[in-house]
């Protein structure tokens, strides 16, 4: 049974969480096509204009992730949330490089809403993926690394039923096994928010992701909005 859910302990500490989740099968990844590359480049220019001189720490959605990281014992300026790291790259370097279709469309939506968007390849995943506090005995392999390391006890992780971690420090970094590569066909796509307007921003971001995946990924999609009242999405295999 494949799916995605929030653990009750995480929901109790972070009741503001809103998640958009897509379960995808049969995706077609590959090099970023010209129209998607143009749209991504245009979004980068629009994001830079929208941010102007605003410090990233003052962006409400990013500030909310900083507070969350601090709440589970992580220094948010040492380990920056994925959207903050992406926007930091954009504001300092002027652009974000193309990687592949799935990564680029996720990054496009991430910078548009300043929210963490992740595409998790599920080839190595066993059963449900749960967002929960780490016990410290789970297995994580950093991007580009061979060494398996455990997460710190108490940090928020994405982990499957076999103890394989897809993401550490909630939305800090994905694992090497879960990275979306050109051979990726089955994936879990997530977008999350903790800020005051997440109830509107996350559904809008999810709609954008669904539209982009339908156009460029061409797979079978199942999606839902998650919250403390609706904490899980289980794949419909009928």
Protein backbone atom coordinates (compact mmCIF):
# COMPACT_ATOMS: atom_id res chain seq x y z
CA UNK A 1 0.00 0.00 0.00
CA UNK A 2 1.55 3.28 -1.13
CA UNK A 3 0.64 6.63 0.35
CA UNK A 4 1.65 9.62 2.43
CA UNK A 5 0.59 10.71 5.89
CA UNK A 6 1.36 12.99 8.83
CA UNK A 7 1.98 11.40 12.20
CA UNK A 8 -0.28 12.53 15.03
CA UNK A 9 2.66 13.84 17.11
CA UNK A 10 3.76 16.12 14.26
CA UNK A 11 0.21 17.36 13.79
CA UNK A 12 -0.09 18.05 17.51
CA UNK A 13 3.03 20.24 17.52
CA UNK A 14 2.40 21.82 14.10
CA UNK A 15 -1.39 22.07 13.71
CA UNK A 16 -1.05 24.80 11.07
CA UNK A 17 0.48 22.40 8.56
CA UNK A 18 -1.22 22.20 5.19
CA UNK A 19 0.06 19.74 2.62
CA UNK A 20 -0.67 19.11 -1.02
CA UNK A 21 0.25 15.57 -2.07
CA UNK A 22 0.27 13.88 -5.47
CA UNK A 23 0.76 10.15 -5.99
CA UNK A 24 2.03 9.70 -9.55
CA UNK A 25 2.49 6.59 -11.69
CA UNK A 26 3.92 6.24 -15.17
CA UNK A 27 5.57 9.66 -15.39
CA UNK A 28 7.80 10.56 -18.33
CA UNK A 29 10.82 12.46 -17.10
CA UNK A 30 13.73 13.64 -19.20
CA UNK A 31 15.42 16.85 -20.33
CA UNK A 32 13.40 20.01 -19.74
CA UNK A 33 11.51 20.91 -22.93
CA UNK A 34 11.85 24.44 -24.34
CA UNK A 35 8.38 25.65 -23.27
CA UNK A 36 8.89 24.53 -19.67
CA UNK A 37 12.40 25.98 -19.62
CA UNK A 38 11.04 29.31 -20.88
CA UNK A 39 8.28 29.28 -18.26
CA UNK A 40 10.79 28.50 -15.51
CA UNK A 41 13.09 31.30 -16.64
CA UNK A 42 10.15 33.72 -16.75
CA UNK A 43 9.11 32.68 -13.24
CA UNK A 44 12.64 33.33 -12.00
CA UNK A 45 12.54 36.87 -13.39
CA UNK A 46 9.08 37.46 -11.92
CA UNK A 47 10.19 36.15 -8.53
CA UNK A 48 13.22 38.41 -8.45
CA UNK A 49 11.03 41.40 -9.28
CA UNK A 50 8.47 40.42 -6.66
CA UNK A 51 11.07 39.97 -3.92
CA UNK A 52 12.94 43.17 -4.69
CA UNK A 53 15.04 44.05 -1.64
CA UNK A 54 12.89 42.06 0.81
CA UNK A 55 15.09 39.90 3.08
CA UNK A 56 14.18 36.24 2.72
CA UNK A 57 13.77 36.03 6.49
CA UNK A 58 10.83 38.45 6.15
CA UNK A 59 8.92 36.32 3.63
CA UNK A 60 6.05 34.88 5.75
CA UNK A 61 6.18 31.35 4.38
CA UNK A 62 9.96 31.12 4.86
CA UNK A 63 9.76 32.65 8.34
CA UNK A 64 7.24 29.96 9.30
CA UNK A 65 9.67 27.22 8.28
CA UNK A 66 12.43 28.92 10.27
CA UNK A 67 10.19 28.80 13.35
CA UNK A 68 9.38 25.14 12.71
CA UNK A 69 13.05 24.20 12.36
CA UNK A 70 13.84 25.97 15.63
CA UNK A 71 10.94 24.18 17.31
CA UNK A 72 12.48 20.75 16.65
CA UNK A 73 15.99 21.83 17.55
CA UNK A 74 17.56 22.79 14.20
CA UNK A 75 19.27 26.11 13.54
CA UNK A 76 17.39 27.52 10.54
CA UNK A 77 20.32 29.60 9.32
CA UNK A 78 22.60 26.56 9.39
CA UNK A 79 20.09 24.25 7.72
CA UNK A 80 17.89 26.34 5.44
CA UNK A 81 14.52 25.08 4.27
CA UNK A 82 14.44 23.99 0.63
CA UNK A 83 12.50 27.03 -0.64
CA UNK A 84 14.76 29.44 1.24
CA UNK A 85 17.87 27.73 -0.16
CA UNK A 86 16.39 27.87 -3.67
CA UNK A 87 15.47 31.54 -3.40
CA UNK A 88 18.83 32.33 -1.81
CA UNK A 89 20.51 30.79 -4.86
CA UNK A 90 18.26 32.82 -7.16
CA UNK A 91 18.82 36.16 -5.42
CA UNK A 92 22.58 35.70 -5.11
CA UNK A 93 23.39 34.01 -8.43
CA UNK A 94 20.59 35.40 -10.58
CA UNK A 95 19.32 32.08 -11.87
CA UNK A 96 18.54 28.47 -11.01
CA UNK A 97 20.01 25.82 -13.33
CA UNK A 98 17.85 23.37 -15.26
CA UNK A 99 18.05 19.77 -14.07
CA UNK A 100 15.20 17.76 -15.61
CA UNK A 101 11.48 18.10 -16.28
CA UNK A 102 10.25 16.96 -12.87
CA UNK A 103 12.77 18.93 -10.84
CA UNK A 104 12.32 22.08 -12.90
CA UNK A 105 8.53 22.11 -12.70
CA UNK A 106 8.77 21.53 -8.95
CA UNK A 107 11.27 24.38 -8.59
CA UNK A 108 9.07 26.65 -10.72
CA UNK A 109 6.15 26.19 -8.31
CA UNK A 110 8.43 26.41 -5.27
CA UNK A 111 9.77 29.85 -6.14
CA UNK A 112 6.34 31.08 -7.26
CA UNK A 113 4.86 30.46 -3.80
CA UNK A 114 8.04 30.34 -1.64
CA UNK A 115 7.00 26.87 -0.49
CA UNK A 116 8.86 23.56 -0.32
CA UNK A 117 8.02 21.36 -3.29
CA UNK A 118 9.59 17.92 -3.56
CA UNK A 119 9.43 15.08 -6.07
CA UNK A 120 10.28 11.79 -4.38
CA UNK A 121 11.14 8.82 -6.59
CA UNK A 122 9.46 5.84 -4.90
CA UNK A 123 11.40 2.97 -6.47
CA UNK A 124 13.20 2.28 -3.18
CA UNK A 125 10.21 3.06 -0.96
CA UNK A 126 8.39 0.44 1.09
CA UNK A 127 4.74 1.13 1.87
CA UNK A 128 3.52 4.40 3.35
CA UNK A 129 5.72 7.46 3.71
CA UNK A 130 5.15 9.15 7.08
CA UNK A 131 6.13 12.62 8.24
CA UNK A 132 7.19 12.02 11.84
CA UNK A 133 9.78 12.77 14.48
CA UNK A 134 12.93 10.67 14.03
CA UNK A 135 13.88 8.01 16.55
CA UNK A 136 17.49 8.22 15.37
CA UNK A 137 17.83 4.68 14.05
CA UNK A 138 16.45 5.34 10.57
CA UNK A 139 18.63 5.28 7.40
CA UNK A 140 19.46 8.36 5.31
CA UNK A 141 21.85 8.71 2.38
CA UNK A 142 22.63 12.29 1.38
CA UNK A 143 22.48 13.39 -2.24
CA UNK A 144 25.60 12.25 -4.06
CA UNK A 145 26.87 10.28 -1.05
CA UNK A 146 27.39 6.56 -0.39
CA UNK A 147 27.49 6.64 3.39
CA UNK A 148 24.28 5.85 5.27
CA UNK A 149 23.73 8.08 8.30
CA UNK A 150 20.92 8.25 10.84
CA UNK A 151 18.91 11.42 11.41
CA UNK A 152 19.09 13.23 14.73
CA UNK A 153 16.47 12.06 17.22
CA UNK A 154 13.55 14.48 17.29
CA UNK A 155 14.02 16.07 13.87
CA UNK A 156 11.12 15.77 11.43
CA UNK A 157 11.70 13.25 8.65
CA UNK A 158 9.88 11.63 5.74
CA UNK A 159 10.33 7.88 6.27
CA UNK A 160 8.90 4.68 4.85
CA UNK A 161 7.83 1.50 6.65
CA UNK A 162 11.33 0.01 6.37
CA UNK A 163 13.04 2.98 8.03
CA UNK A 164 14.38 4.49 4.79
CA UNK A 165 14.41 8.29 5.03
CA UNK A 166 13.39 10.31 1.96
CA UNK A 167 13.91 13.75 3.53
CA UNK A 168 15.66 15.10 6.63
CA UNK A 169 14.86 18.13 8.75
CA UNK A 170 11.38 18.17 7.21
CA UNK A 171 12.12 20.17 4.04
CA UNK A 172 15.88 20.61 4.23
CA UNK A 173 17.23 17.87 1.94
CA UNK A 174 16.08 14.79 0.07
CA UNK A 175 17.87 11.47 0.07
CA UNK A 176 19.92 10.16 -2.81
CA UNK A 177 17.44 7.31 -3.37
CA UNK A 178 14.47 9.66 -3.63
CA UNK A 179 15.97 12.18 -6.09
CA UNK A 180 13.99 12.63 -9.30
CA UNK A 181 16.18 11.48 -12.15
CA UNK A 182 15.49 10.96 -15.84
CA UNK A 183 14.50 7.33 -15.20
CA UNK A 184 11.92 8.30 -12.56
CA UNK A 185 8.41 7.06 -13.40
CA UNK A 186 6.64 6.69 -10.03
CA UNK A 187 6.79 9.48 -7.46
CA UNK A 188 5.23 11.26 -4.53
CA UNK A 189 5.08 15.02 -5.04
CA UNK A 190 4.54 17.28 -2.03
CA UNK A 191 4.02 20.98 -1.34
CA UNK A 192 3.64 22.23 2.24
CA UNK A 193 3.02 25.39 4.19
CA UNK A 194 2.86 26.49 7.82
CA UNK A 195 2.21 30.22 7.44
CA UNK A 196 -1.03 32.13 7.96
CA UNK A 197 -2.15 32.03 4.33
CA UNK A 198 -1.10 28.42 3.69
CA UNK A 199 -4.77 27.41 3.49
CA UNK A 200 -4.96 29.34 0.22
CA UNK A 201 -1.39 29.12 -1.03
CA UNK A 202 -0.99 25.34 -0.78
CA UNK A 203 -4.15 24.52 -2.80
CA UNK A 204 -3.06 27.02 -5.47
CA UNK A 205 0.42 25.50 -5.62
CA UNK A 206 -1.04 21.99 -5.77
CA UNK A 207 -3.27 22.98 -8.69
CA UNK A 208 -0.25 24.37 -10.53
CA UNK A 209 1.69 21.16 -9.92
CA UNK A 210 -1.15 18.98 -11.17
CA UNK A 211 -1.47 21.08 -14.33
CA UNK A 212 2.28 20.98 -15.00
CA UNK A 213 2.49 17.22 -14.37
CA UNK A 214 -0.49 16.55 -16.62
CA UNK A 215 1.16 18.55 -19.40
CA UNK A 216 4.76 17.43 -19.01
CA UNK A 217 4.76 14.24 -16.93
CA UNK A 218 1.79 12.55 -18.60
CA UNK A 219 1.31 9.97 -15.87
CA UNK A 220 -1.64 8.85 -13.76
CA UNK A 221 -2.16 11.25 -10.85
CA UNK A 222 -4.05 11.07 -7.57
CA UNK A 223 -3.95 14.06 -5.25
CA UNK A 224 -5.33 15.52 -2.04
CA UNK A 225 -5.00 18.38 0.41
CA UNK A 226 -3.84 17.21 3.84
CA UNK A 227 -4.32 18.79 7.26
CA UNK A 228 -4.88 17.63 10.85
CA UNK A 229 -8.47 16.87 9.84
CA UNK A 230 -7.38 14.88 6.76
CA UNK A 231 -3.87 13.60 7.51
CA UNK A 232 -3.30 10.92 4.85
CA UNK A 233 -3.57 10.06 1.17
CA UNK A 234 -3.63 6.34 0.31
CA UNK A 235 -3.22 5.21 -3.26
CA UNK A 236 -6.37 4.01 -4.98
CA UNK A 237 -5.41 0.76 -6.70
CA UNK A 238 -8.89 -0.03 -8.01
